[in-house]
Amino acid sequence: MKTKQKRRLILVASLALLLALLVTVQAISARLNAVTNAEINVLGFGQAGITVDEGSGYDWQSKSVKLVADTDPGYAPGAARAMIVPYILDADSEFYIPCDLGAMSKPVNNKMVLGDIVLEFAADWETYWFYQDGFFYYRTVLHPEAGRNETTVLLTKVSLNSANGNIEEKYNGDTARIKVEVLASILQAEGSAPDTGSVLESAWNVTVSGDTVSPLS
């Protein structure tokens, strides 16, 4: 009888210990999920953490483009990059007009000639940006605080390539509209994630030292 009682006590004690462990594991799991989600929000491609300031004007005229990081205290400092995608719409801005676009490459004399479209950049763009694999990377880490969250101006003008004869007639002169999509991304440059450096290196092929962003190769 005593042996059976001892077995019952051992079983009850074991069940109690197992229940306690399950509760502890659930609590730890919930905490890890919360932390992991926070990390993902910061480390992921931060479309919500950065916006594109495009100024105004699209049609054969000046266009100012820069990036602005969110100043939300929940965001961490980050490395930023932008891809510029030009295209042409009809007069009503409803339909794409097929256009001849060449391959993207590093701007020469502050210009990138893409077939029938020319992108013009700020005279000092290379002081603050570098071009790599189709993207423009800002050389300085952006911080989520006013005064440290904006890039300098990158793009200044978009136009038709006048070197291609009768170019305006080809696209119906002033009735067509040049548009530019600027795709911006930001990745955490420092903080609680120990593998931030490897993420930037493997995903973007860049490295960060202090507030300086540089091409890896």
N, C-alpha and C. Protein backbone atom coordinates (compact mmCIF):
# COMPACT_ATOMS: atom_id res chain seq x y z
N MET A 1 0.84 -1.20 0.00
CA MET A 1 0.00 0.00 0.00
C MET A 1 0.88 1.26 0.00
N LYS A 2 1.87 1.20 0.82
CA LYS A 2 2.78 2.35 0.89
C LYS A 2 3.50 2.56 -0.44
N THR A 3 3.85 1.43 -1.10
CA THR A 3 4.54 1.52 -2.38
C THR A 3 3.65 2.17 -3.42
N LYS A 4 2.36 1.80 -3.46
CA LYS A 4 1.42 2.39 -4.42
C LYS A 4 1.25 3.87 -4.16
N GLN A 5 1.17 4.25 -2.86
CA GLN A 5 1.03 5.67 -2.51
C GLN A 5 2.25 6.46 -2.98
N LYS A 6 3.45 5.84 -2.79
CA LYS A 6 4.67 6.51 -3.23
C LYS A 6 4.67 6.71 -4.74
N ARG A 7 4.21 5.66 -5.47
CA ARG A 7 4.15 5.78 -6.93
C ARG A 7 3.20 6.87 -7.37
N ARG A 8 2.02 6.92 -6.61
CA ARG A 8 1.05 7.98 -6.94
C ARG A 8 1.67 9.36 -6.70
N LEU A 9 2.37 9.51 -5.59
CA LEU A 9 3.00 10.80 -5.27
C LEU A 9 4.05 11.19 -6.30
N ILE A 10 4.84 10.18 -6.73
CA ILE A 10 5.86 10.43 -7.74
C ILE A 10 5.21 10.84 -9.06
N LEU A 11 4.11 10.15 -9.43
CA LEU A 11 3.39 10.47 -10.67
C LEU A 11 2.81 11.87 -10.62
N VAL A 12 2.18 12.21 -9.48
CA VAL A 12 1.59 13.55 -9.32
C VAL A 12 2.68 14.61 -9.40
N ALA A 13 3.80 14.33 -8.71
CA ALA A 13 4.91 15.29 -8.74
C ALA A 13 5.46 15.46 -10.14
N SER A 14 5.57 14.35 -10.88
CA SER A 14 6.07 14.40 -12.26
C SER A 14 5.14 15.19 -13.15
N LEU A 15 3.83 14.97 -13.02
CA LEU A 15 2.85 15.71 -13.81
C LEU A 15 2.91 17.21 -13.50
N ALA A 16 3.06 17.51 -12.20
CA ALA A 16 3.15 18.93 -11.81
C ALA A 16 4.37 19.59 -12.42
N LEU A 17 5.51 18.86 -12.39
CA LEU A 17 6.74 19.39 -12.97
C LEU A 17 6.59 19.59 -14.48
N LEU A 18 5.97 18.61 -15.16
CA LEU A 18 5.76 18.71 -16.60
C LEU A 18 4.88 19.90 -16.94
N LEU A 19 3.80 20.09 -16.14
CA LEU A 19 2.90 21.22 -16.37
C LEU A 19 3.64 22.54 -16.20
N ALA A 20 4.48 22.61 -15.17
CA ALA A 20 5.26 23.83 -14.93
C ALA A 20 6.20 24.11 -16.08
N LEU A 21 6.83 23.05 -16.60
CA LEU A 21 7.74 23.20 -17.73
C LEU A 21 7.00 23.69 -18.97
N LEU A 22 5.80 23.14 -19.22
CA LEU A 22 5.01 23.55 -20.38
C LEU A 22 4.63 25.01 -20.29
N VAL A 23 4.22 25.44 -19.09
CA VAL A 23 3.86 26.85 -18.90
C VAL A 23 5.07 27.74 -19.15
N THR A 24 6.24 27.31 -18.63
CA THR A 24 7.47 28.08 -18.82
C THR A 24 7.85 28.16 -20.29
N VAL A 25 7.76 27.02 -21.00
CA VAL A 25 8.09 26.99 -22.42
C VAL A 25 7.16 27.89 -23.21
N GLN A 26 5.86 27.87 -22.88
CA GLN A 26 4.91 28.72 -23.59
C GLN A 26 5.24 30.19 -23.37
N ALA A 27 5.60 30.53 -22.12
CA ALA A 27 5.94 31.92 -21.82
C ALA A 27 7.18 32.35 -22.59
N ILE A 28 8.21 31.48 -22.59
CA ILE A 28 9.44 31.78 -23.33
C ILE A 28 9.15 31.89 -24.82
N SER A 29 8.32 30.96 -25.32
CA SER A 29 7.98 30.97 -26.75
C SER A 29 7.27 32.25 -27.14
N ALA A 30 6.32 32.69 -26.28
CA ALA A 30 5.61 33.94 -26.57
C ALA A 30 6.56 35.12 -26.58
N ARG A 31 7.51 35.13 -25.63
CA ARG A 31 8.49 36.21 -25.56
C ARG A 31 9.38 36.21 -26.79
N LEU A 32 9.84 35.01 -27.19
CA LEU A 32 10.70 34.91 -28.38
C LEU A 32 9.97 35.36 -29.63
N ASN A 33 8.68 34.98 -29.72
CA ASN A 33 7.89 35.41 -30.88
C ASN A 33 7.79 36.92 -30.93
N ALA A 34 7.58 37.53 -29.75
CA ALA A 34 7.46 38.99 -29.71
C ALA A 34 8.77 39.63 -30.14
N VAL A 35 9.88 39.12 -29.61
CA VAL A 35 11.19 39.68 -29.96
C VAL A 35 11.50 39.44 -31.42
N THR A 36 11.22 38.22 -31.91
CA THR A 36 11.50 37.89 -33.31
C THR A 36 10.70 38.77 -34.25
N ASN A 37 9.42 38.98 -33.93
CA ASN A 37 8.60 39.84 -34.78
C ASN A 37 9.15 41.26 -34.81
N ALA A 38 9.62 41.73 -33.65
CA ALA A 38 10.19 43.08 -33.60
C ALA A 38 11.43 43.14 -34.47
N GLU A 39 12.26 42.09 -34.40
CA GLU A 39 13.47 42.07 -35.21
C GLU A 39 13.14 42.05 -36.69
N ILE A 40 12.13 41.25 -37.07
CA ILE A 40 11.76 41.17 -38.48
C ILE A 40 11.28 42.53 -38.98
N ASN A 41 10.50 43.22 -38.13
CA ASN A 41 10.00 44.53 -38.54
C ASN A 41 11.16 45.50 -38.80
N VAL A 42 12.23 45.35 -38.02
CA VAL A 42 13.37 46.26 -38.18
C VAL A 42 14.29 45.79 -39.28
N LEU A 43 14.51 44.47 -39.35
CA LEU A 43 15.52 43.94 -40.26
C LEU A 43 15.02 43.74 -41.68
N GLY A 44 13.72 43.58 -41.85
CA GLY A 44 13.18 43.32 -43.18
C GLY A 44 13.39 44.52 -44.09
N PHE A 45 13.13 44.32 -45.37
CA PHE A 45 13.24 45.43 -46.30
C PHE A 45 12.25 46.49 -45.86
N GLY A 46 12.76 47.63 -45.40
CA GLY A 46 11.94 48.56 -44.63
C GLY A 46 11.14 49.54 -45.44
N GLN A 47 10.26 49.08 -46.28
CA GLN A 47 9.42 50.00 -47.04
C GLN A 47 8.63 50.91 -46.10
N ALA A 48 8.20 50.35 -44.95
CA ALA A 48 7.46 51.15 -43.99
C ALA A 48 8.37 52.08 -43.22
N GLY A 49 9.69 51.83 -43.29
CA GLY A 49 10.63 52.64 -42.55
C GLY A 49 11.27 53.75 -43.36
N ILE A 50 10.94 53.82 -44.64
CA ILE A 50 11.56 54.85 -45.48
C ILE A 50 10.58 55.25 -46.57
N THR A 51 10.59 56.51 -46.91
CA THR A 51 9.72 57.02 -47.97
C THR A 51 10.55 57.77 -49.01
N VAL A 52 9.95 57.97 -50.15
CA VAL A 52 10.62 58.66 -51.25
C VAL A 52 10.04 60.06 -51.38
N ASP A 53 10.89 61.06 -51.28
CA ASP A 53 10.47 62.44 -51.50
C ASP A 53 10.81 62.79 -52.94
N GLU A 54 9.77 62.86 -53.78
CA GLU A 54 9.99 63.07 -55.21
C GLU A 54 9.78 64.51 -55.66
N GLY A 55 9.51 65.41 -54.74
CA GLY A 55 9.27 66.78 -55.17
C GLY A 55 8.07 66.82 -56.09
N SER A 56 8.15 67.55 -57.17
CA SER A 56 7.06 67.62 -58.13
C SER A 56 7.62 67.74 -59.53
N GLY A 57 6.79 67.41 -60.50
CA GLY A 57 7.20 67.53 -61.89
C GLY A 57 7.63 66.22 -62.48
N TYR A 58 7.03 65.88 -63.62
CA TYR A 58 7.37 64.65 -64.31
C TYR A 58 7.71 64.88 -65.79
N ASP A 59 7.08 65.86 -66.40
CA ASP A 59 7.05 65.94 -67.85
C ASP A 59 8.20 66.75 -68.43
N TRP A 60 9.21 66.05 -68.89
CA TRP A 60 10.35 66.67 -69.56
C TRP A 60 10.91 67.84 -68.74
N GLN A 61 10.93 67.72 -67.46
CA GLN A 61 11.42 68.83 -66.65
C GLN A 61 12.14 68.32 -65.42
N SER A 62 12.55 69.25 -64.57
CA SER A 62 13.33 68.88 -63.39
C SER A 62 12.52 67.99 -62.46
N LYS A 63 13.23 67.10 -61.79
CA LYS A 63 12.59 66.21 -60.83
C LYS A 63 13.59 65.95 -59.72
N SER A 64 13.22 66.28 -58.50
CA SER A 64 14.11 66.11 -57.36
C SER A 64 13.71 64.87 -56.57
N VAL A 65 14.67 63.98 -56.33
CA VAL A 65 14.39 62.74 -55.60
C VAL A 65 15.40 62.56 -54.47
N LYS A 66 14.88 62.31 -53.27
CA LYS A 66 15.71 61.94 -52.13
C LYS A 66 14.92 60.97 -51.26
N LEU A 67 15.59 60.33 -50.30
CA LEU A 67 14.95 59.38 -49.41
C LEU A 67 14.86 59.96 -48.00
N VAL A 68 13.77 59.61 -47.31
CA VAL A 68 13.55 60.09 -45.94
C VAL A 68 13.17 58.90 -45.06
N ALA A 69 13.98 58.63 -44.03
CA ALA A 69 13.70 57.53 -43.11
C ALA A 69 12.68 57.98 -42.07
N ASP A 70 11.86 57.05 -41.61
CA ASP A 70 10.88 57.35 -40.56
C ASP A 70 11.60 57.78 -39.29
N THR A 71 10.97 58.68 -38.55
CA THR A 71 11.54 59.10 -37.26
C THR A 71 10.85 58.40 -36.10
N ASP A 72 10.09 57.36 -36.39
CA ASP A 72 9.45 56.57 -35.35
C ASP A 72 10.52 55.99 -34.43
N PRO A 73 10.38 56.14 -33.11
CA PRO A 73 11.41 55.63 -32.19
C PRO A 73 11.57 54.11 -32.23
N GLY A 74 10.61 53.41 -32.84
CA GLY A 74 10.70 51.97 -32.94
C GLY A 74 11.67 51.50 -34.00
N TYR A 75 12.12 52.42 -34.85
CA TYR A 75 13.05 52.04 -35.92
C TYR A 75 14.50 52.23 -35.49
N ALA A 76 15.37 51.41 -36.07
CA ALA A 76 16.80 51.50 -35.78
C ALA A 76 17.50 52.20 -36.94
N PRO A 77 18.73 52.68 -36.75
CA PRO A 77 19.50 53.26 -37.86
C PRO A 77 19.63 52.24 -38.98
N GLY A 78 19.65 52.71 -40.23
CA GLY A 78 19.69 51.77 -41.33
C GLY A 78 20.45 52.27 -42.54
N ALA A 79 20.90 51.31 -43.34
CA ALA A 79 21.51 51.62 -44.64
C ALA A 79 20.39 51.67 -45.66
N ALA A 80 20.44 52.66 -46.55
CA ALA A 80 19.35 52.87 -47.51
C ALA A 80 19.84 52.77 -48.94
N ARG A 81 18.95 52.31 -49.81
CA ARG A 81 19.27 52.27 -51.23
C ARG A 81 18.02 52.55 -52.05
N ALA A 82 18.21 52.89 -53.32
CA ALA A 82 17.09 53.21 -54.20
C ALA A 82 17.34 52.66 -55.60
N MET A 83 16.27 52.21 -56.23
CA MET A 83 16.32 51.84 -57.65
C MET A 83 15.39 52.77 -58.40
N ILE A 84 15.85 53.28 -59.54
CA ILE A 84 15.07 54.23 -60.33
C ILE A 84 14.59 53.54 -61.61
N VAL A 85 13.28 53.54 -61.81
CA VAL A 85 12.68 52.87 -62.95
C VAL A 85 11.84 53.87 -63.75
N PRO A 86 12.34 54.36 -64.88
CA PRO A 86 11.56 55.30 -65.69
C PRO A 86 10.67 54.57 -66.70
N TYR A 87 9.58 55.21 -67.08
CA TYR A 87 8.70 54.67 -68.12
C TYR A 87 7.89 55.82 -68.70
N ILE A 88 7.14 55.53 -69.75
CA ILE A 88 6.37 56.57 -70.43
C ILE A 88 4.90 56.16 -70.50
N LEU A 89 4.03 57.12 -70.22
CA LEU A 89 2.58 56.91 -70.29
C LEU A 89 1.98 57.78 -71.39
N ASP A 90 0.78 57.42 -71.80
CA ASP A 90 0.11 58.24 -72.80
C ASP A 90 -0.41 59.52 -72.15
N ALA A 91 -1.07 60.36 -72.94
CA ALA A 91 -1.49 61.68 -72.47
C ALA A 91 -2.43 61.61 -71.27
N ASP A 92 -3.24 60.56 -71.20
CA ASP A 92 -4.20 60.42 -70.10
C ASP A 92 -3.61 59.66 -68.91
N SER A 93 -2.34 59.32 -69.01
CA SER A 93 -1.65 58.58 -67.95
C SER A 93 -2.35 57.27 -67.61
N GLU A 94 -2.91 56.64 -68.63
CA GLU A 94 -3.61 55.38 -68.41
C GLU A 94 -2.88 54.17 -68.98
N PHE A 95 -2.14 54.37 -70.06
CA PHE A 95 -1.51 53.24 -70.73
C PHE A 95 0.00 53.46 -70.89
N TYR A 96 0.73 52.37 -70.72
CA TYR A 96 2.17 52.43 -70.96
C TYR A 96 2.44 52.48 -72.45
N ILE A 97 3.40 53.32 -72.83
CA ILE A 97 3.85 53.38 -74.20
C ILE A 97 5.17 52.61 -74.29
N PRO A 98 5.26 51.60 -75.13
CA PRO A 98 6.53 50.88 -75.27
C PRO A 98 7.65 51.85 -75.62
N CYS A 99 8.75 51.74 -74.90
CA CYS A 99 9.88 52.64 -75.18
C CYS A 99 11.18 51.85 -75.17
N ASP A 100 12.18 52.40 -75.83
CA ASP A 100 13.48 51.74 -75.91
C ASP A 100 14.33 52.14 -74.71
N LEU A 101 14.60 51.17 -73.84
CA LEU A 101 15.41 51.42 -72.66
C LEU A 101 16.66 50.56 -72.71
N GLY A 102 17.80 51.19 -72.52
CA GLY A 102 19.04 50.43 -72.48
C GLY A 102 19.30 49.88 -71.09
N ALA A 103 20.38 49.14 -70.95
CA ALA A 103 20.74 48.58 -69.66
C ALA A 103 21.23 49.66 -68.71
N MET A 104 20.92 49.50 -67.43
CA MET A 104 21.37 50.45 -66.43
C MET A 104 22.86 50.27 -66.16
N SER A 105 23.53 51.38 -65.95
CA SER A 105 24.96 51.34 -65.63
C SER A 105 25.29 52.60 -64.83
N LYS A 106 26.49 52.66 -64.32
CA LYS A 106 26.88 53.82 -63.51
C LYS A 106 26.79 55.09 -64.35
N PRO A 107 26.20 56.16 -63.77
CA PRO A 107 26.10 57.43 -64.51
C PRO A 107 27.47 57.95 -64.94
N VAL A 108 27.51 58.55 -66.11
CA VAL A 108 28.72 59.17 -66.64
C VAL A 108 28.44 60.67 -66.79
N ASN A 109 29.32 61.49 -66.21
CA ASN A 109 29.10 62.95 -66.22
C ASN A 109 27.72 63.29 -65.67
N ASN A 110 27.36 62.59 -64.58
CA ASN A 110 26.10 62.82 -63.86
C ASN A 110 24.86 62.46 -64.67
N LYS A 111 25.04 61.67 -65.73
CA LYS A 111 23.89 61.26 -66.54
C LYS A 111 23.90 59.75 -66.75
N MET A 112 22.70 59.19 -66.79
CA MET A 112 22.53 57.79 -67.16
C MET A 112 21.61 57.76 -68.38
N VAL A 113 22.16 57.31 -69.50
CA VAL A 113 21.39 57.24 -70.73
C VAL A 113 20.80 55.84 -70.85
N LEU A 114 19.47 55.78 -70.84
CA LEU A 114 18.75 54.52 -70.93
C LEU A 114 17.97 54.50 -72.24
N GLY A 115 18.66 54.32 -73.33
CA GLY A 115 17.98 54.32 -74.62
C GLY A 115 17.36 55.67 -74.92
N ASP A 116 16.02 55.72 -74.88
CA ASP A 116 15.30 56.96 -75.21
C ASP A 116 15.10 57.89 -74.02
N ILE A 117 15.51 57.47 -72.85
CA ILE A 117 15.32 58.29 -71.65
C ILE A 117 16.67 58.60 -71.01
N VAL A 118 16.80 59.83 -70.53
CA VAL A 118 18.03 60.25 -69.85
C VAL A 118 17.71 60.65 -68.42
N LEU A 119 18.44 60.08 -67.47
CA LEU A 119 18.32 60.46 -66.07
C LEU A 119 19.52 61.33 -65.72
N GLU A 120 19.25 62.47 -65.09
CA GLU A 120 20.32 63.37 -64.67
C GLU A 120 20.37 63.43 -63.15
N PHE A 121 21.58 63.39 -62.61
CA PHE A 121 21.77 63.32 -61.17
C PHE A 121 22.44 64.59 -60.65
N ALA A 122 22.33 64.78 -59.33
CA ALA A 122 22.95 65.95 -58.71
C ALA A 122 24.45 65.97 -59.03
N ALA A 123 25.00 67.16 -59.19
CA ALA A 123 26.40 67.31 -59.57
C ALA A 123 27.33 66.62 -58.57
N ASP A 124 26.94 66.58 -57.30
CA ASP A 124 27.80 65.99 -56.26
C ASP A 124 27.27 64.64 -55.78
N TRP A 125 26.48 63.95 -56.61
CA TRP A 125 25.84 62.72 -56.14
C TRP A 125 26.85 61.68 -55.67
N GLU A 126 28.00 61.57 -56.33
CA GLU A 126 28.98 60.55 -55.95
C GLU A 126 29.63 60.83 -54.59
N THR A 127 29.52 62.05 -54.11
CA THR A 127 30.04 62.36 -52.79
C THR A 127 29.20 61.67 -51.72
N TYR A 128 27.92 61.51 -52.00
CA TYR A 128 27.00 60.99 -51.00
C TYR A 128 26.41 59.62 -51.35
N TRP A 129 26.53 59.19 -52.59
CA TRP A 129 25.95 57.93 -53.04
C TRP A 129 27.00 57.13 -53.80
N PHE A 130 26.77 55.82 -53.92
CA PHE A 130 27.53 55.03 -54.88
C PHE A 130 26.57 54.08 -55.60
N TYR A 131 26.93 53.75 -56.84
CA TYR A 131 26.07 52.91 -57.68
C TYR A 131 26.64 51.50 -57.72
N GLN A 132 25.74 50.52 -57.57
CA GLN A 132 26.17 49.12 -57.59
C GLN A 132 24.99 48.22 -57.94
N ASP A 133 25.16 47.40 -58.98
CA ASP A 133 24.18 46.38 -59.35
C ASP A 133 22.76 46.91 -59.52
N GLY A 134 22.64 48.08 -60.15
CA GLY A 134 21.32 48.62 -60.43
C GLY A 134 20.73 49.47 -59.33
N PHE A 135 21.43 49.60 -58.20
CA PHE A 135 20.93 50.38 -57.07
C PHE A 135 21.87 51.53 -56.73
N PHE A 136 21.29 52.58 -56.16
CA PHE A 136 22.06 53.70 -55.62
C PHE A 136 22.02 53.58 -54.09
N TYR A 137 23.20 53.46 -53.50
CA TYR A 137 23.31 53.31 -52.04
C TYR A 137 23.77 54.62 -51.42
N TYR A 138 23.12 54.99 -50.33
CA TYR A 138 23.54 56.20 -49.64
C TYR A 138 24.75 55.87 -48.77
N ARG A 139 25.76 56.70 -48.80
CA ARG A 139 27.03 56.40 -48.13
C ARG A 139 26.98 56.59 -46.61
N THR A 140 25.90 57.16 -46.11
CA THR A 140 25.79 57.42 -44.67
C THR A 140 24.55 56.73 -44.10
N VAL A 141 24.70 56.10 -42.96
CA VAL A 141 23.57 55.46 -42.27
C VAL A 141 22.54 56.52 -41.91
N LEU A 142 21.26 56.21 -42.15
CA LEU A 142 20.18 57.11 -41.77
C LEU A 142 19.70 56.76 -40.37
N HIS A 143 19.41 57.79 -39.57
CA HIS A 143 18.95 57.58 -38.20
C HIS A 143 17.50 58.04 -38.06
N PRO A 144 16.73 57.40 -37.18
CA PRO A 144 15.32 57.75 -37.02
C PRO A 144 15.12 59.00 -36.17
N GLU A 145 15.78 60.07 -36.55
CA GLU A 145 15.64 61.33 -35.82
C GLU A 145 15.81 62.48 -36.79
N ALA A 146 15.09 63.53 -36.56
CA ALA A 146 15.12 64.69 -37.45
C ALA A 146 16.54 65.21 -37.59
N GLY A 147 16.90 65.57 -38.82
CA GLY A 147 18.23 66.09 -39.08
C GLY A 147 19.22 65.02 -39.49
N ARG A 148 18.90 63.76 -39.23
CA ARG A 148 19.80 62.66 -39.60
C ARG A 148 19.07 61.58 -40.39
N ASN A 149 17.86 61.89 -40.83
CA ASN A 149 17.02 60.87 -41.47
C ASN A 149 16.80 61.10 -42.96
N GLU A 150 17.49 62.09 -43.56
CA GLU A 150 17.28 62.38 -44.98
C GLU A 150 18.58 62.23 -45.76
N THR A 151 18.43 61.74 -46.99
CA THR A 151 19.58 61.71 -47.89
C THR A 151 19.68 63.06 -48.60
N THR A 152 20.77 63.26 -49.28
CA THR A 152 20.86 64.40 -50.19
C THR A 152 20.06 64.06 -51.44
N VAL A 153 19.85 65.05 -52.29
CA VAL A 153 19.12 64.83 -53.54
C VAL A 153 19.95 63.93 -54.45
N LEU A 154 19.29 62.96 -55.05
CA LEU A 154 19.96 62.03 -55.97
C LEU A 154 19.65 62.39 -57.41
N LEU A 155 18.40 62.25 -57.78
CA LEU A 155 17.97 62.52 -59.15
C LEU A 155 17.50 63.96 -59.27
N THR A 156 17.86 64.63 -60.36
CA THR A 156 17.44 66.02 -60.54
C THR A 156 16.60 66.25 -61.78
N LYS A 157 16.69 65.35 -62.77
CA LYS A 157 15.94 65.59 -64.00
C LYS A 157 15.77 64.29 -64.78
N VAL A 158 14.66 64.18 -65.48
CA VAL A 158 14.40 63.06 -66.38
C VAL A 158 13.88 63.64 -67.69
N SER A 159 14.41 63.15 -68.81
CA SER A 159 14.02 63.73 -70.10
C SER A 159 14.18 62.71 -71.21
N LEU A 160 13.66 63.04 -72.38
CA LEU A 160 13.87 62.21 -73.55
C LEU A 160 15.28 62.44 -74.08
N ASN A 161 15.83 61.44 -74.70
CA ASN A 161 17.19 61.52 -75.23
C ASN A 161 17.16 62.23 -76.58
N SER A 162 17.54 63.50 -76.59
CA SER A 162 17.49 64.30 -77.82
C SER A 162 18.49 63.81 -78.85
N ALA A 163 19.46 63.01 -78.42
CA ALA A 163 20.43 62.48 -79.38
C ALA A 163 19.80 61.47 -80.32
N ASN A 164 18.66 60.91 -79.91
CA ASN A 164 17.91 60.01 -80.78
C ASN A 164 16.94 60.84 -81.60
N GLY A 165 17.26 61.10 -82.84
CA GLY A 165 16.52 62.02 -83.70
C GLY A 165 15.00 61.85 -83.67
N ASN A 166 14.29 62.99 -83.73
CA ASN A 166 12.82 63.02 -83.75
C ASN A 166 12.21 62.27 -82.56
N ILE A 167 12.87 62.39 -81.43
CA ILE A 167 12.44 61.63 -80.26
C ILE A 167 11.07 62.07 -79.74
N GLU A 168 10.82 63.38 -79.74
CA GLU A 168 9.53 63.85 -79.22
C GLU A 168 8.38 63.43 -80.11
N GLU A 169 8.63 63.43 -81.42
CA GLU A 169 7.59 62.98 -82.34
C GLU A 169 7.29 61.49 -82.11
N LYS A 170 8.33 60.76 -81.79
CA LYS A 170 8.16 59.32 -81.55
C LYS A 170 7.19 59.06 -80.41
N TYR A 171 7.21 59.93 -79.41
CA TYR A 171 6.33 59.77 -78.26
C TYR A 171 5.27 60.87 -78.19
N ASN A 172 4.86 61.34 -79.33
CA ASN A 172 3.77 62.31 -79.43
C ASN A 172 4.04 63.61 -78.69
N GLY A 173 5.30 64.01 -78.70
CA GLY A 173 5.66 65.31 -78.13
C GLY A 173 5.22 65.47 -76.69
N ASP A 174 4.60 66.60 -76.40
CA ASP A 174 4.23 66.91 -75.02
C ASP A 174 3.00 66.16 -74.55
N THR A 175 2.39 65.37 -75.40
CA THR A 175 1.20 64.66 -74.96
C THR A 175 1.56 63.39 -74.17
N ALA A 176 2.77 62.89 -74.34
CA ALA A 176 3.21 61.73 -73.55
C ALA A 176 3.80 62.22 -72.23
N ARG A 177 3.88 61.32 -71.28
CA ARG A 177 4.36 61.70 -69.95
C ARG A 177 5.43 60.72 -69.46
N ILE A 178 6.56 61.26 -69.07
CA ILE A 178 7.60 60.43 -68.45
C ILE A 178 7.26 60.28 -66.97
N LYS A 179 7.33 59.06 -66.50
CA LYS A 179 7.15 58.80 -65.07
C LYS A 179 8.40 58.10 -64.54
N VAL A 180 8.63 58.25 -63.26
CA VAL A 180 9.76 57.60 -62.62
C VAL A 180 9.28 56.93 -61.34
N GLU A 181 9.49 55.63 -61.24
CA GLU A 181 9.22 54.93 -59.99
C GLU A 181 10.54 54.81 -59.24
N VAL A 182 10.54 55.20 -57.98
CA VAL A 182 11.73 55.07 -57.14
C VAL A 182 11.42 54.04 -56.06
N LEU A 183 12.12 52.91 -56.12
CA LEU A 183 11.90 51.83 -55.16
C LEU A 183 12.95 51.93 -54.07
N ALA A 184 12.52 52.22 -52.86
CA ALA A 184 13.45 52.45 -51.75
C ALA A 184 13.41 51.31 -50.75
N SER A 185 14.57 50.98 -50.18
CA SER A 185 14.67 49.96 -49.15
C SER A 185 15.63 50.43 -48.07
N ILE A 186 15.43 49.88 -46.86
CA ILE A 186 16.34 50.20 -45.76
C ILE A 186 16.54 48.93 -44.94
N LEU A 187 17.78 48.67 -44.53
CA LEU A 187 18.10 47.54 -43.67
C LEU A 187 18.84 48.04 -42.44
N GLN A 188 18.51 47.46 -41.30
CA GLN A 188 19.13 47.86 -40.05
C GLN A 188 20.65 47.79 -40.15
N ALA A 189 21.30 48.85 -39.68
CA ALA A 189 22.75 48.91 -39.75
C ALA A 189 23.42 48.55 -38.44
N GLU A 190 22.67 48.60 -37.36
CA GLU A 190 23.23 48.27 -36.05
C GLU A 190 22.08 47.95 -35.11
N GLY A 191 22.39 47.50 -33.91
CA GLY A 191 21.34 47.22 -32.95
C GLY A 191 21.47 45.86 -32.33
N SER A 192 20.32 45.21 -32.06
CA SER A 192 20.34 43.97 -31.29
C SER A 192 20.63 42.74 -32.12
N ALA A 193 20.58 42.84 -33.43
CA ALA A 193 20.78 41.65 -34.26
C ALA A 193 22.26 41.41 -34.51
N PRO A 194 22.81 40.27 -34.06
CA PRO A 194 24.24 40.02 -34.21
C PRO A 194 24.67 39.77 -35.64
N ASP A 195 23.72 39.37 -36.51
CA ASP A 195 24.09 39.03 -37.88
C ASP A 195 23.76 40.12 -38.88
N THR A 196 23.56 41.37 -38.37
CA THR A 196 23.22 42.47 -39.27
C THR A 196 24.26 42.63 -40.36
N GLY A 197 25.54 42.57 -39.98
CA GLY A 197 26.60 42.74 -40.97
C GLY A 197 26.51 41.71 -42.07
N SER A 198 26.29 40.47 -41.69
CA SER A 198 26.22 39.42 -42.70
C SER A 198 25.01 39.59 -43.60
N VAL A 199 23.90 40.10 -43.06
CA VAL A 199 22.71 40.34 -43.88
C VAL A 199 23.00 41.40 -44.92
N LEU A 200 23.62 42.50 -44.51
CA LEU A 200 23.95 43.56 -45.45
C LEU A 200 24.95 43.07 -46.49
N GLU A 201 25.89 42.27 -46.06
CA GLU A 201 26.90 41.78 -46.99
C GLU A 201 26.33 40.78 -47.99
N SER A 202 25.51 39.85 -47.50
CA SER A 202 24.97 38.82 -48.40
C SER A 202 23.83 39.33 -49.26
N ALA A 203 22.96 40.18 -48.70
CA ALA A 203 21.79 40.65 -49.44
C ALA A 203 22.11 41.85 -50.33
N TRP A 204 22.96 42.75 -49.84
CA TRP A 204 23.21 44.00 -50.57
C TRP A 204 24.65 44.14 -51.04
N ASN A 205 25.54 43.29 -50.59
CA ASN A 205 26.94 43.37 -50.98
C ASN A 205 27.56 44.70 -50.54
N VAL A 206 27.19 45.15 -49.34
CA VAL A 206 27.76 46.38 -48.77
C VAL A 206 28.21 46.08 -47.34
N THR A 207 29.03 46.95 -46.82
CA THR A 207 29.48 46.83 -45.44
C THR A 207 29.29 48.17 -44.73
N VAL A 208 29.10 48.12 -43.41
CA VAL A 208 28.89 49.33 -42.62
C VAL A 208 29.93 49.41 -41.52
N SER A 209 30.59 50.55 -41.42
CA SER A 209 31.54 50.80 -40.35
C SER A 209 31.16 52.12 -39.71
N GLY A 210 30.68 52.07 -38.47
CA GLY A 210 30.16 53.29 -37.85
C GLY A 210 28.94 53.76 -38.63
N ASP A 211 29.01 54.96 -39.15
CA ASP A 211 27.91 55.50 -39.97
C ASP A 211 28.23 55.48 -41.46
N THR A 212 29.32 54.83 -41.84
CA THR A 212 29.74 54.83 -43.24
C THR A 212 29.34 53.53 -43.95
N VAL A 213 28.65 53.66 -45.06
CA VAL A 213 28.24 52.52 -45.88
C VAL A 213 29.16 52.46 -47.11
N SER A 214 29.73 51.30 -47.36
CA SER A 214 30.68 51.16 -48.47
C SER A 214 30.39 49.89 -49.25
N PRO A 215 30.74 49.88 -50.55
CA PRO A 215 30.59 48.64 -51.32
C PRO A 215 31.53 47.58 -50.78
N LEU A 216 31.08 46.34 -50.75
CA LEU A 216 31.88 45.26 -50.22
C LEU A 216 33.05 44.93 -51.13
N SER A 217 32.81 45.08 -52.43
CA SER A 217 33.88 44.75 -53.38
C SER A 217 34.08 45.88 -54.37
